[in-house]
């Protein structure tokens, strides 16, 4: 089973706070968060995490502009949700390749007023194309990536992206893990 690409070139949980990861992590464990908030200024390029097919759901007050990427992982179909986007480079039904640019981050939906360190890509892994609110129909992305990028930055090269210079850390095939 191929390793998933990361959705951004630089991946780190917003403000390095556990309440921006997956699960019952908000309001003292009484409120769920259905994905990861990855820090990203608007217009940061988002990448396909795997080969798959794009779905463009309607605009959502919560998620704003979003793309869904249907992809195979083992024997099941999963959906990567990219939320609060500014632009999409792909259309509904487009086939995309792992690490292909698919859009840019933004401040749409409930992220509309966020500024500075709070700007982010909301990223989910879904088992259902359109799950209800809550955690049902979603899995923690850490189940596929091995861990959440909290207190670390995971830098992944994507195609023609310029190399990251002046960066130290552990070199792992396909990405760097930075302290």
C-alpha atoms as a PDB file:
ATOM      1  CA  UNK A   1       0.000   0.000   0.000  1.00  0.00           C
ATOM      2  CA  UNK A   2       1.618   3.314  -1.052  1.00  0.00           C
ATOM      3  CA  UNK A   3       2.342   5.929   1.576  1.00  0.00           C
ATOM      4  CA  UNK A   4       0.086   8.964   1.454  1.00  0.00           C
ATOM      5  CA  UNK A   5       1.538  12.313   0.466  1.00  0.00           C
ATOM      6  CA  UNK A   6       0.978  15.186   2.868  1.00  0.00           C
ATOM      7  CA  UNK A   7      -1.651  17.792   1.932  1.00  0.00           C
ATOM      8  CA  UNK A   8       0.741  20.768   2.209  1.00  0.00           C
ATOM      9  CA  UNK A   9       4.433  21.247   1.591  1.00  0.00           C
ATOM     10  CA  UNK A  10       4.871  22.254   5.265  1.00  0.00           C
ATOM     11  CA  UNK A  11       2.519  20.463   7.668  1.00  0.00           C
ATOM     12  CA  UNK A  12       2.111  21.499  11.281  1.00  0.00           C
ATOM     13  CA  UNK A  13      -0.903  21.629  13.584  1.00  0.00           C
ATOM     14  CA  UNK A  14      -2.181  25.188  14.017  1.00  0.00           C
ATOM     15  CA  UNK A  15      -0.609  26.832  17.094  1.00  0.00           C
ATOM     16  CA  UNK A  16       0.709  23.371  18.094  1.00  0.00           C
ATOM     17  CA  UNK A  17      -2.435  22.866  20.167  1.00  0.00           C
ATOM     18  CA  UNK A  18      -4.035  19.441  20.703  1.00  0.00           C
ATOM     19  CA  UNK A  19      -7.498  21.009  20.245  1.00  0.00           C
ATOM     20  CA  UNK A  20      -6.603  21.475  16.552  1.00  0.00           C
ATOM     21  CA  UNK A  21      -6.151  17.713  16.107  1.00  0.00           C
ATOM     22  CA  UNK A  22      -8.799  14.975  15.775  1.00  0.00           C
ATOM     23  CA  UNK A  23     -11.255  13.751  18.384  1.00  0.00           C
ATOM     24  CA  UNK A  24     -12.930  14.980  21.566  1.00  0.00           C
ATOM     25  CA  UNK A  25     -10.238  17.635  21.967  1.00  0.00           C
ATOM     26  CA  UNK A  26     -12.152  20.895  22.422  1.00  0.00           C
ATOM     27  CA  UNK A  27     -13.840  22.486  25.448  1.00  0.00           C
ATOM     28  CA  UNK A  28     -12.104  20.184  27.911  1.00  0.00           C
ATOM     29  CA  UNK A  29     -12.889  17.061  25.879  1.00  0.00           C
ATOM     30  CA  UNK A  30     -16.612  17.764  25.507  1.00  0.00           C
ATOM     31  CA  UNK A  31     -16.554  18.993  21.899  1.00  0.00           C
ATOM     32  CA  UNK A  32     -15.329  17.073  18.861  1.00  0.00           C
ATOM     33  CA  UNK A  33     -13.027  18.241  16.097  1.00  0.00           C
ATOM     34  CA  UNK A  34     -13.364  16.133  12.958  1.00  0.00           C
ATOM     35  CA  UNK A  35      -9.911  16.612  11.420  1.00  0.00           C
ATOM     36  CA  UNK A  36      -6.606  18.439  11.620  1.00  0.00           C
ATOM     37  CA  UNK A  37      -6.165  22.192  11.344  1.00  0.00           C
ATOM     38  CA  UNK A  38      -2.867  22.577   9.496  1.00  0.00           C
ATOM     39  CA  UNK A  39      -1.386  26.071   9.712  1.00  0.00           C
ATOM     40  CA  UNK A  40      -1.340  27.704   6.275  1.00  0.00           C
ATOM     41  CA  UNK A  41      -1.546  31.256   5.054  1.00  0.00           C
ATOM     42  CA  UNK A  42      -4.158  31.875   2.336  1.00  0.00           C
ATOM     43  CA  UNK A  43      -3.082  30.812  -1.165  1.00  0.00           C
ATOM     44  CA  UNK A  44      -0.822  28.022   0.100  1.00  0.00           C
ATOM     45  CA  UNK A  45      -0.888  25.153  -2.416  1.00  0.00           C
ATOM     46  CA  UNK A  46      -2.740  21.973  -1.406  1.00  0.00           C
ATOM     47  CA  UNK A  47      -1.735  18.600  -2.877  1.00  0.00           C
ATOM     48  CA  UNK A  48      -3.514  15.333  -3.580  1.00  0.00           C
ATOM     49  CA  UNK A  49      -2.593  12.866  -0.849  1.00  0.00           C
ATOM     50  CA  UNK A  50      -3.087   9.930  -3.237  1.00  0.00           C
ATOM     51  CA  UNK A  51      -4.148   9.046  -6.767  1.00  0.00           C
ATOM     52  CA  UNK A  52      -7.897   9.467  -6.955  1.00  0.00           C
ATOM     53  CA  UNK A  53     -10.954  11.314  -8.222  1.00  0.00           C
ATOM     54  CA  UNK A  54     -12.051  14.815  -7.190  1.00  0.00           C
ATOM     55  CA  UNK A  55     -15.530  15.608  -5.917  1.00  0.00           C
ATOM     56  CA  UNK A  56     -16.598  19.210  -5.407  1.00  0.00           C
ATOM     57  CA  UNK A  57     -19.381  19.340  -2.843  1.00  0.00           C
ATOM     58  CA  UNK A  58     -21.572  22.449  -2.563  1.00  0.00           C
ATOM     59  CA  UNK A  59     -20.364  25.404  -0.504  1.00  0.00           C
ATOM     60  CA  UNK A  60     -20.804  24.788   3.224  1.00  0.00           C
ATOM     61  CA  UNK A  61     -21.201  27.411   5.951  1.00  0.00           C
ATOM     62  CA  UNK A  62     -18.847  25.371   8.115  1.00  0.00           C
ATOM     63  CA  UNK A  63     -16.247  24.159   5.596  1.00  0.00           C
ATOM     64  CA  UNK A  64     -16.544  26.917   2.993  1.00  0.00           C
ATOM     65  CA  UNK A  65     -15.041  26.020  -0.358  1.00  0.00           C
ATOM     66  CA  UNK A  66     -13.885  22.439  -0.225  1.00  0.00           C
ATOM     67  CA  UNK A  67     -12.659  19.551  -2.306  1.00  0.00           C
ATOM     68  CA  UNK A  68     -13.046  15.848  -1.631  1.00  0.00           C
ATOM     69  CA  UNK A  69     -10.533  13.400  -3.016  1.00  0.00           C
ATOM     70  CA  UNK A  70     -11.824   9.826  -3.270  1.00  0.00           C
ATOM     71  CA  UNK A  71      -8.912   7.376  -3.109  1.00  0.00           C
ATOM     72  CA  UNK A  72      -8.231   3.709  -2.454  1.00  0.00           C
ATOM     73  CA  UNK A  73      -6.420   2.741   0.696  1.00  0.00           C
ATOM     74  CA  UNK A  74      -6.053  -1.003   1.023  1.00  0.00           C
ATOM     75  CA  UNK A  75      -9.432  -2.545   0.289  1.00  0.00           C
ATOM     76  CA  UNK A  76     -11.549   0.533   1.007  1.00  0.00           C
ATOM     77  CA  UNK A  77     -12.397   3.891  -0.497  1.00  0.00           C
ATOM     78  CA  UNK A  78     -11.550   6.886   1.679  1.00  0.00           C
ATOM     79  CA  UNK A  79     -12.114  10.602   1.152  1.00  0.00           C
ATOM     80  CA  UNK A  80      -9.628  13.369   1.917  1.00  0.00           C
ATOM     81  CA  UNK A  81     -11.468  16.619   2.662  1.00  0.00           C
ATOM     82  CA  UNK A  82      -9.680  19.921   2.046  1.00  0.00           C
ATOM     83  CA  UNK A  83     -11.680  22.766   3.619  1.00  0.00           C
ATOM     84  CA  UNK A  84     -11.710  26.614   3.709  1.00  0.00           C
ATOM     85  CA  UNK A  85     -10.116  26.832   0.239  1.00  0.00           C
ATOM     86  CA  UNK A  86      -9.640  29.958  -1.900  1.00  0.00           C
ATOM     87  CA  UNK A  87      -9.223  28.280  -5.274  1.00  0.00           C
ATOM     88  CA  UNK A  88      -9.507  24.866  -6.880  1.00  0.00           C
ATOM     89  CA  UNK A  89      -7.215  23.837  -9.744  1.00  0.00           C
ATOM     90  CA  UNK A  90      -9.388  20.791 -10.452  1.00  0.00           C
ATOM     91  CA  UNK A  91     -13.032  20.113 -11.217  1.00  0.00           C
ATOM     92  CA  UNK A  92     -15.600  17.563 -10.196  1.00  0.00           C
ATOM     93  CA  UNK A  93     -14.716  14.182 -11.700  1.00  0.00           C
ATOM     94  CA  UNK A  94     -11.068  15.005 -12.478  1.00  0.00           C
ATOM     95  CA  UNK A  95      -8.591  12.194 -11.927  1.00  0.00           C
ATOM     96  CA  UNK A  96      -5.532  13.395 -10.052  1.00  0.00           C
ATOM     97  CA  UNK A  97      -2.153  11.928  -9.201  1.00  0.00           C
ATOM     98  CA  UNK A  98      -0.529  11.754  -5.770  1.00  0.00           C
ATOM     99  CA  UNK A  99       1.234  15.077  -4.997  1.00  0.00           C
ATOM    100  CA  UNK A 100      -0.575  16.946  -7.790  1.00  0.00           C
ATOM    101  CA  UNK A 101      -1.533  20.535  -6.855  1.00  0.00           C
ATOM    102  CA  UNK A 102      -5.326  20.666  -6.482  1.00  0.00           C
ATOM    103  CA  UNK A 103      -6.083  24.065  -4.924  1.00  0.00           C
ATOM    104  CA  UNK A 104      -5.068  26.770  -2.485  1.00  0.00           C
ATOM    105  CA  UNK A 105      -5.930  27.425   1.125  1.00  0.00           C
ATOM    106  CA  UNK A 106      -8.140  30.320   2.144  1.00  0.00           C
ATOM    107  CA  UNK A 107     -10.486  31.746   4.734  1.00  0.00           C
ATOM    108  CA  UNK A 108     -13.917  30.485   3.711  1.00  0.00           C
ATOM    109  CA  UNK A 109     -16.660  28.981   5.843  1.00  0.00           C
ATOM    110  CA  UNK A 110     -16.256  29.295   9.602  1.00  0.00           C
ATOM    111  CA  UNK A 111     -12.581  30.245   9.102  1.00  0.00           C
ATOM    112  CA  UNK A 112     -13.633  33.510   7.419  1.00  0.00           C
ATOM    113  CA  UNK A 113     -12.423  35.805  10.197  1.00  0.00           C
ATOM    114  CA  UNK A 114      -9.255  33.959  11.162  1.00  0.00           C
ATOM    115  CA  UNK A 115      -5.976  35.826  10.836  1.00  0.00           C
ATOM    116  CA  UNK A 116      -2.263  35.253  11.396  1.00  0.00           C
ATOM    117  CA  UNK A 117      -1.401  32.034  13.216  1.00  0.00           C
ATOM    118  CA  UNK A 118      -5.026  30.877  13.109  1.00  0.00           C
ATOM    119  CA  UNK A 119      -5.247  30.622   9.305  1.00  0.00           C
ATOM    120  CA  UNK A 120      -5.335  26.997   8.264  1.00  0.00           C
ATOM    121  CA  UNK A 121      -6.364  24.130   6.045  1.00  0.00           C
ATOM    122  CA  UNK A 122      -8.949  21.967   7.768  1.00  0.00           C
ATOM    123  CA  UNK A 123      -8.049  18.438   6.625  1.00  0.00           C
ATOM    124  CA  UNK A 124     -10.126  15.318   7.233  1.00  0.00           C
ATOM    125  CA  UNK A 125      -9.987  11.665   6.299  1.00  0.00           C
ATOM    126  CA  UNK A 126     -13.495  10.325   5.812  1.00  0.00           C
ATOM    127  CA  UNK A 127     -14.896   6.840   5.459  1.00  0.00           C
ATOM    128  CA  UNK A 128     -18.156   8.315   4.113  1.00  0.00           C
ATOM    129  CA  UNK A 129     -18.363  10.873   1.343  1.00  0.00           C
ATOM    130  CA  UNK A 130     -20.791  13.112   3.260  1.00  0.00           C
ATOM    131  CA  UNK A 131     -20.855  12.166   6.957  1.00  0.00           C
ATOM    132  CA  UNK A 132     -23.117  13.832   9.488  1.00  0.00           C
ATOM    133  CA  UNK A 133     -21.644  16.231  12.015  1.00  0.00           C
ATOM    134  CA  UNK A 134     -19.499  14.713  14.736  1.00  0.00           C
ATOM    135  CA  UNK A 135     -16.778  12.097  14.355  1.00  0.00           C
ATOM    136  CA  UNK A 136     -18.868   9.396  12.657  1.00  0.00           C
ATOM    137  CA  UNK A 137     -17.757   8.635   9.121  1.00  0.00           C
ATOM    138  CA  UNK A 138     -14.294  10.038   9.806  1.00  0.00           C
ATOM    139  CA  UNK A 139     -11.010   8.634  11.069  1.00  0.00           C
ATOM    140  CA  UNK A 140      -8.074  10.328  12.704  1.00  0.00           C
ATOM    141  CA  UNK A 141      -5.577  11.145   9.921  1.00  0.00           C
ATOM    142  CA  UNK A 142      -2.876   9.947  12.356  1.00  0.00           C
ATOM    143  CA  UNK A 143      -4.110   6.392  11.692  1.00  0.00           C
ATOM    144  CA  UNK A 144      -2.787   6.756   8.131  1.00  0.00           C
ATOM    145  CA  UNK A 145       0.171   9.093   8.736  1.00  0.00           C
ATOM    146  CA  UNK A 146       1.470   7.497  11.928  1.00  0.00           C
ATOM    147  CA  UNK A 147       1.035  10.642  14.036  1.00  0.00           C
ATOM    148  CA  UNK A 148      -0.256  14.191  13.956  1.00  0.00           C
ATOM    149  CA  UNK A 149       2.280  16.881  13.064  1.00  0.00           C
ATOM    150  CA  UNK A 150       2.064  18.570  16.470  1.00  0.00           C
ATOM    151  CA  UNK A 151       5.205  20.072  17.998  1.00  0.00           C
ATOM    152  CA  UNK A 152       6.874  19.285  14.685  1.00  0.00           C
ATOM    153  CA  UNK A 153       6.739  20.380  11.053  1.00  0.00           C
ATOM    154  CA  UNK A 154       6.689  17.769   8.350  1.00  0.00           C
ATOM    155  CA  UNK A 155       8.104  19.101   5.104  1.00  0.00           C
ATOM    156  CA  UNK A 156       7.366  17.195   1.948  1.00  0.00           C
ATOM    157  CA  UNK A 157       8.611  17.935  -1.530  1.00  0.00           C
ATOM    158  CA  UNK A 158       5.894  17.984  -4.166  1.00  0.00           C
ATOM    159  CA  UNK A 159       6.956  17.869  -7.795  1.00  0.00           C
ATOM    160  CA  UNK A 160       8.328  21.222  -8.887  1.00  0.00           C
ATOM    161  CA  UNK A 161       8.258  22.794  -5.427  1.00  0.00           C
ATOM    162  CA  UNK A 162      11.544  24.503  -4.615  1.00  0.00           C
ATOM    163  CA  UNK A 163      13.717  22.605  -2.165  1.00  0.00           C
ATOM    164  CA  UNK A 164      13.525  23.722   1.444  1.00  0.00           C
ATOM    165  CA  UNK A 165      16.883  25.144   2.503  1.00  0.00           C
ATOM    166  CA  UNK A 166      18.297  25.905   5.919  1.00  0.00           C
ATOM    167  CA  UNK A 167      16.165  23.157   7.443  1.00  0.00           C
ATOM    168  CA  UNK A 168      17.518  20.621   9.888  1.00  0.00           C
ATOM    169  CA  UNK A 169      15.903  17.444  11.023  1.00  0.00           C
ATOM    170  CA  UNK A 170      15.591  13.749  10.479  1.00  0.00           C
ATOM    171  CA  UNK A 171      15.554  12.780   6.797  1.00  0.00           C
ATOM    172  CA  UNK A 172      12.869  10.238   6.018  1.00  0.00           C
ATOM    173  CA  UNK A 173      12.128   9.072   2.447  1.00  0.00           C
ATOM    174  CA  UNK A 174       9.514  11.425   1.022  1.00  0.00           C
ATOM    175  CA  UNK A 175       9.552  14.005   3.825  1.00  0.00           C
ATOM    176  CA  UNK A 176      11.569  15.634   6.580  1.00  0.00           C
ATOM    177  CA  UNK A 177      10.522  15.656  10.222  1.00  0.00           C
ATOM    178  CA  UNK A 178      11.629  18.884  11.819  1.00  0.00           C
ATOM    179  CA  UNK A 179      11.992  19.655  15.516  1.00  0.00           C
END
